[in-house]
Amino acid sequence: MRVHLDFETACDLDIRDCGLSRYVNDPSFRIILTAAAFGDDEVQQWEGLPAFMLNWSQNPPDEIHAFNAPFERACLARYGVDAGDTHWRDTMAHAYCRGFSGGLAKVGEQVGIPIDQQKLKEGGRLMAK
């Protein structure tokens, strides 16, 4: 099974100032929203980390796709989940290898994803609150 995964997180620290490891290991760190699509199915969303993902250390999906996959891996590791090295596919790295540049929103624009399906620009403001 192929999974496309994205976490929205919160922490008292700013990841840009402290780095990934310190961010996810801070006591205030938490996953506040999980979004995932299984195979070609529609995206599903959960508040927090869904309990079934805690079993991924023993039974991971065949492929886990994420834009900047080290972030999602670190988030899962903070909850004690190690899905192994061979299951991850980093779509950010794939985009860069194909000549695209920038973050998720910029790559979405460059590949021609319709505006209504791109990352919400106001989402960052809402997350900051």
Protein backbone atom coordinates (compact mmCIF):
# COMPACT_ATOMS: atom_id res chain seq x y z
CA MET A 1 0.00 0.00 0.00
CA ARG A 2 1.21 3.49 -0.90
CA VAL A 3 0.48 6.33 1.55
CA HIS A 4 0.81 10.07 0.99
CA LEU A 5 1.37 11.66 4.40
CA ASP A 6 1.40 15.17 5.84
CA PHE A 7 1.49 16.37 9.45
CA GLU A 8 0.66 19.78 10.82
CA THR A 9 2.41 20.31 14.13
CA ALA A 10 2.73 22.81 16.95
CA CYS A 11 5.55 23.56 19.34
CA ASP A 12 6.63 26.44 21.56
CA LEU A 13 9.88 26.52 19.54
CA ASP A 14 10.26 27.81 15.99
CA ILE A 15 11.75 25.04 13.84
CA ARG A 16 13.59 27.65 11.74
CA ASP A 17 15.48 28.79 14.83
CA CYS A 18 16.23 25.47 16.54
CA GLY A 19 16.27 22.76 13.86
CA LEU A 20 14.25 19.59 13.39
CA SER A 21 15.67 17.43 16.18
CA ARG A 22 15.26 20.00 18.92
CA TYR A 23 11.80 20.94 17.60
CA VAL A 24 10.31 17.44 17.67
CA ASN A 25 11.97 16.53 20.97
CA ASP A 26 10.71 19.60 22.83
CA PRO A 27 8.08 18.69 25.47
CA SER A 28 5.62 21.14 23.86
CA PHE A 29 5.79 19.40 20.43
CA ARG A 30 2.61 17.74 19.20
CA ILE A 31 0.99 16.61 15.98
CA ILE A 32 -2.23 18.53 15.71
CA LEU A 33 -3.45 17.29 12.32
CA THR A 34 -2.67 14.28 10.15
CA ALA A 35 -3.65 14.10 6.50
CA ALA A 36 -3.13 10.94 4.46
CA ALA A 37 -4.24 9.41 1.20
CA PHE A 38 -4.02 5.65 0.78
CA GLY A 39 -3.31 4.50 -2.76
CA ASP A 40 -5.43 6.63 -5.08
CA ASP A 41 -8.16 7.26 -2.48
CA GLU A 42 -9.26 10.70 -1.28
CA VAL A 43 -7.31 12.48 1.44
CA GLN A 44 -8.47 11.72 4.98
CA GLN A 45 -7.78 13.91 8.01
CA TRP A 46 -7.53 13.25 11.73
CA GLU A 47 -6.87 15.43 14.74
CA GLY A 48 -3.56 14.38 16.26
CA LEU A 49 -1.87 11.15 15.23
CA PRO A 50 -4.29 8.32 14.38
CA ALA A 51 -3.74 5.25 16.57
CA PHE A 52 -3.28 2.87 13.62
CA MET A 53 -0.06 4.66 12.64
CA LEU A 54 1.48 3.61 15.95
CA ASN A 55 1.64 0.07 14.46
CA TRP A 56 3.78 1.15 11.51
CA SER A 57 6.97 0.08 13.31
CA GLN A 58 5.81 -3.53 12.98
CA ASN A 59 3.77 -3.27 9.78
CA PRO A 60 4.65 -0.18 7.70
CA PRO A 61 3.05 0.69 4.38
CA ASP A 62 5.03 -0.38 1.31
CA GLU A 63 5.71 3.27 0.43
CA ILE A 64 5.25 6.45 2.46
CA HIS A 65 5.40 9.60 0.33
CA ALA A 66 5.90 12.99 1.98
CA PHE A 67 7.14 16.40 0.91
CA ASN A 68 10.30 16.77 3.02
CA ALA A 69 9.99 13.21 4.35
CA PRO A 70 12.60 13.66 7.13
CA PHE A 71 10.08 15.91 8.89
CA GLU A 72 7.30 13.28 8.86
CA ARG A 73 9.81 10.58 9.88
CA ALA A 74 10.96 12.69 12.84
CA CYS A 75 7.36 13.37 13.87
CA LEU A 76 6.56 9.65 13.86
CA ALA A 77 9.79 8.86 15.72
CA ARG A 78 8.77 11.32 18.45
CA TYR A 79 5.73 9.07 18.99
CA GLY A 80 7.91 5.95 19.01
CA VAL A 81 7.20 4.88 15.42
CA ASP A 82 10.05 3.75 13.14
CA ALA A 83 8.72 2.73 9.73
CA GLY A 84 12.22 1.86 8.49
CA ASP A 85 14.43 3.49 5.89
CA THR A 86 13.31 1.73 2.74
CA HIS A 87 9.65 2.74 2.84
CA TRP A 88 10.09 6.51 2.49
CA ARG A 89 9.83 8.53 -0.73
CA ASP A 90 10.63 12.24 -0.46
CA THR A 91 8.55 14.11 -3.03
CA MET A 92 10.51 17.32 -2.33
CA ALA A 93 13.74 15.58 -3.38
CA HIS A 94 11.98 14.17 -6.45
CA ALA A 95 10.76 17.67 -7.38
CA TYR A 96 14.24 19.16 -7.00
CA CYS A 97 15.74 16.38 -9.15
CA ARG A 98 13.28 17.33 -11.88
CA GLY A 99 14.22 21.01 -11.80
CA PHE A 100 11.42 22.40 -9.65
CA SER A 101 12.31 24.70 -6.78
CA GLY A 102 10.90 26.12 -3.58
CA GLY A 103 8.55 24.85 -0.95
CA LEU A 104 5.38 22.84 -1.41
CA ALA A 105 3.30 25.82 -2.52
CA LYS A 106 5.83 26.90 -5.15
CA VAL A 107 6.25 23.38 -6.52
CA GLY A 108 2.46 23.03 -6.68
CA GLU A 109 2.28 26.18 -8.80
CA GLN A 110 5.16 25.04 -11.03
CA VAL A 111 3.60 21.66 -11.81
CA GLY A 112 0.24 23.27 -12.56
CA ILE A 113 -1.89 22.05 -9.68
CA PRO A 114 -5.18 23.98 -9.74
CA ILE A 115 -5.40 26.76 -7.14
CA ASP A 116 -8.25 25.04 -5.26
CA GLN A 117 -6.07 21.94 -4.74
CA GLN A 118 -2.88 23.71 -3.66
CA LYS A 119 -1.68 24.33 -0.14
CA LEU A 120 -3.87 26.96 1.50
CA LYS A 121 -1.95 30.19 1.91
CA GLU A 122 -4.02 31.17 4.93
CA GLY A 123 -3.23 27.86 6.64
CA GLY A 124 0.09 29.18 7.89
CA ARG A 125 -1.62 32.10 9.59
CA LEU A 126 -4.16 29.80 11.23
CA MET A 127 -1.43 27.42 12.41
CA ALA A 128 0.48 30.33 13.96
CA LYS A 129 -2.51 31.16 16.15
